[in-house]
N, C-alpha and C. Protein backbone atom coordinates (compact mmCIF):
# COMPACT_ATOMS: atom_id res chain seq x y z
N GLU A 1 33.08 -1.75 -30.15
CA GLU A 1 33.53 -0.41 -30.49
C GLU A 1 32.73 0.16 -31.65
N GLY A 2 32.29 -0.72 -32.55
CA GLY A 2 31.53 -0.25 -33.70
C GLY A 2 30.07 0.01 -33.38
N PHE A 3 29.69 -0.24 -32.14
CA PHE A 3 28.29 -0.06 -31.76
C PHE A 3 28.05 1.33 -31.19
N ASP A 4 26.90 1.86 -31.52
CA ASP A 4 26.47 3.12 -30.93
C ASP A 4 25.84 2.79 -29.57
N ARG A 5 26.22 3.52 -28.55
CA ARG A 5 25.70 3.23 -27.20
C ARG A 5 24.18 3.23 -27.15
N SER A 6 23.56 4.17 -27.83
CA SER A 6 22.10 4.27 -27.78
C SER A 6 21.45 3.04 -28.44
N ASP A 7 22.10 2.51 -29.48
CA ASP A 7 21.57 1.30 -30.13
C ASP A 7 21.67 0.10 -29.20
N VAL A 8 22.79 0.00 -28.49
CA VAL A 8 22.99 -1.10 -27.55
C VAL A 8 21.96 -0.99 -26.42
N LYS A 9 21.80 0.21 -25.91
CA LYS A 9 20.84 0.44 -24.83
C LYS A 9 19.43 0.08 -25.30
N LYS A 10 19.10 0.51 -26.50
CA LYS A 10 17.77 0.22 -27.06
C LYS A 10 17.57 -1.29 -27.22
N ALA A 11 18.58 -1.98 -27.71
CA ALA A 11 18.50 -3.43 -27.90
C ALA A 11 18.33 -4.14 -26.56
N LEU A 12 19.06 -3.69 -25.54
CA LEU A 12 18.93 -4.28 -24.21
C LEU A 12 17.54 -4.06 -23.63
N LEU A 13 17.03 -2.85 -23.79
CA LEU A 13 15.68 -2.55 -23.30
C LEU A 13 14.62 -3.38 -24.01
N GLU A 14 14.77 -3.53 -25.32
CA GLU A 14 13.83 -4.35 -26.09
C GLU A 14 13.88 -5.80 -25.63
N SER A 15 15.09 -6.29 -25.41
CA SER A 15 15.28 -7.66 -24.95
C SER A 15 14.63 -7.86 -23.58
N LEU A 16 14.86 -6.91 -22.69
CA LEU A 16 14.28 -6.96 -21.35
C LEU A 16 12.75 -6.92 -21.43
N TYR A 17 12.25 -6.04 -22.29
CA TYR A 17 10.80 -5.91 -22.48
C TYR A 17 10.20 -7.23 -22.96
N GLU A 18 10.83 -7.85 -23.95
CA GLU A 18 10.34 -9.13 -24.48
C GLU A 18 10.38 -10.22 -23.42
N GLN A 19 11.45 -10.22 -22.63
CA GLN A 19 11.60 -11.21 -21.56
C GLN A 19 10.48 -11.05 -20.53
N ARG A 20 10.23 -9.82 -20.12
CA ARG A 20 9.17 -9.54 -19.14
C ARG A 20 7.80 -9.91 -19.71
N LYS A 21 7.62 -9.61 -20.99
CA LYS A 21 6.35 -9.92 -21.65
C LYS A 21 6.11 -11.43 -21.65
N GLU A 22 7.15 -12.19 -21.93
CA GLU A 22 7.05 -13.65 -21.95
C GLU A 22 6.77 -14.19 -20.54
N GLU A 23 7.45 -13.63 -19.53
CA GLU A 23 7.21 -14.04 -18.15
C GLU A 23 5.77 -13.76 -17.75
N ARG A 24 5.27 -12.61 -18.13
CA ARG A 24 3.88 -12.22 -17.82
C ARG A 24 2.91 -13.17 -18.51
N ARG A 25 3.21 -13.52 -19.75
CA ARG A 25 2.35 -14.44 -20.50
C ARG A 25 2.28 -15.79 -19.77
N LYS A 26 3.42 -16.26 -19.29
CA LYS A 26 3.46 -17.54 -18.55
C LYS A 26 2.66 -17.44 -17.25
N GLU A 27 2.82 -16.30 -16.54
CA GLU A 27 2.07 -16.10 -15.29
C GLU A 27 0.57 -16.11 -15.56
N LEU A 28 0.16 -15.43 -16.62
CA LEU A 28 -1.26 -15.38 -16.95
C LEU A 28 -1.79 -16.76 -17.34
N ALA A 29 -0.98 -17.53 -18.05
CA ALA A 29 -1.38 -18.89 -18.43
C ALA A 29 -1.57 -19.75 -17.18
N LYS A 30 -0.65 -19.62 -16.22
CA LYS A 30 -0.76 -20.37 -14.96
C LYS A 30 -2.03 -19.96 -14.22
N GLU A 31 -2.28 -18.65 -14.16
CA GLU A 31 -3.45 -18.14 -13.45
C GLU A 31 -4.74 -18.64 -14.11
N LEU A 32 -4.75 -18.63 -15.44
CA LEU A 32 -5.92 -19.12 -16.17
C LEU A 32 -6.16 -20.59 -15.87
N LYS A 33 -5.11 -21.37 -15.88
CA LYS A 33 -5.22 -22.80 -15.60
C LYS A 33 -5.73 -23.03 -14.17
N ARG A 34 -5.19 -22.24 -13.24
CA ARG A 34 -5.61 -22.36 -11.85
C ARG A 34 -7.10 -22.04 -11.70
N ARG A 35 -7.55 -20.99 -12.39
CA ARG A 35 -8.96 -20.62 -12.32
C ARG A 35 -9.85 -21.67 -12.97
N GLU A 36 -9.39 -22.23 -14.09
CA GLU A 36 -10.17 -23.29 -14.75
C GLU A 36 -10.30 -24.49 -13.82
N ASN A 37 -9.20 -24.87 -13.17
CA ASN A 37 -9.22 -26.00 -12.23
C ASN A 37 -10.15 -25.70 -11.06
N TYR A 38 -10.10 -24.46 -10.56
CA TYR A 38 -10.96 -24.06 -9.45
C TYR A 38 -12.43 -24.17 -9.86
N SER A 39 -12.75 -23.65 -11.04
CA SER A 39 -14.13 -23.70 -11.53
C SER A 39 -14.58 -25.14 -11.73
N ARG A 40 -13.72 -25.95 -12.30
CA ARG A 40 -14.05 -27.36 -12.54
C ARG A 40 -14.29 -28.07 -11.21
N ASN A 41 -13.43 -27.80 -10.23
CA ASN A 41 -13.59 -28.42 -8.91
C ASN A 41 -14.89 -27.99 -8.25
N LYS A 42 -15.25 -26.72 -8.40
CA LYS A 42 -16.50 -26.23 -7.82
C LYS A 42 -17.70 -26.92 -8.47
N LEU A 43 -17.65 -27.10 -9.79
CA LEU A 43 -18.74 -27.78 -10.49
C LEU A 43 -18.86 -29.23 -10.04
N ILE A 44 -17.73 -29.89 -9.90
CA ILE A 44 -17.71 -31.29 -9.44
C ILE A 44 -18.29 -31.37 -8.03
N GLU A 45 -17.88 -30.42 -7.19
CA GLU A 45 -18.37 -30.37 -5.81
C GLU A 45 -19.89 -30.21 -5.80
N LYS A 46 -20.41 -29.31 -6.63
CA LYS A 46 -21.87 -29.10 -6.70
C LYS A 46 -22.57 -30.36 -7.16
N ASP A 47 -22.01 -31.02 -8.18
CA ASP A 47 -22.60 -32.26 -8.69
C ASP A 47 -22.62 -33.33 -7.62
N GLN A 48 -21.55 -33.42 -6.84
CA GLN A 48 -21.48 -34.43 -5.78
C GLN A 48 -22.52 -34.14 -4.70
N LYS A 49 -22.67 -32.87 -4.34
CA LYS A 49 -23.68 -32.50 -3.34
C LYS A 49 -25.08 -32.81 -3.87
N ARG A 50 -25.31 -32.50 -5.14
CA ARG A 50 -26.60 -32.76 -5.76
C ARG A 50 -26.89 -34.26 -5.77
N SER A 51 -25.88 -35.05 -6.11
CA SER A 51 -26.03 -36.51 -6.14
C SER A 51 -26.36 -37.04 -4.75
N LYS A 52 -25.65 -36.54 -3.74
CA LYS A 52 -25.90 -36.99 -2.37
C LYS A 52 -27.31 -36.63 -1.93
N SER A 53 -27.77 -35.42 -2.26
CA SER A 53 -29.12 -35.02 -1.84
C SER A 53 -30.16 -35.84 -2.60
N ASN A 54 -29.89 -36.20 -3.84
CA ASN A 54 -30.81 -37.06 -4.60
C ASN A 54 -30.86 -38.45 -4.00
N GLU A 55 -29.72 -38.96 -3.55
CA GLU A 55 -29.69 -40.29 -2.91
C GLU A 55 -30.54 -40.28 -1.66
N HIS A 56 -30.43 -39.22 -0.87
CA HIS A 56 -31.21 -39.12 0.37
C HIS A 56 -32.70 -39.05 0.05
N ASN A 57 -33.05 -38.31 -0.99
CA ASN A 57 -34.45 -38.18 -1.37
C ASN A 57 -35.01 -39.52 -1.84
N ILE A 58 -34.23 -40.24 -2.62
CA ILE A 58 -34.68 -41.54 -3.14
C ILE A 58 -34.81 -42.54 -1.99
N CYS A 59 -33.82 -42.60 -1.12
CA CYS A 59 -33.83 -43.54 0.01
C CYS A 59 -34.93 -43.17 1.01
N GLY A 60 -35.13 -41.89 1.24
CA GLY A 60 -36.10 -41.45 2.24
C GLY A 60 -37.53 -41.59 1.79
N SER A 61 -37.78 -41.61 0.49
CA SER A 61 -39.16 -41.65 0.00
C SER A 61 -39.70 -43.07 -0.08
N GLY A 62 -38.86 -44.08 0.06
CA GLY A 62 -39.29 -45.47 -0.10
C GLY A 62 -39.71 -46.04 1.16
């Protein structure tokens, strides 16, 4: 009863905004991690292909 409706509304909106901001931050962190893993996997894949082609070159030249 002692609360002004506009203050309550403002507090709820701020709370909702902060909650959404935190959720977005978590989503972005997940996306960043996923991209880092994807990049790392691509680099590993390239290294493995390079290693295999080097093995063929070494074996084939002897």
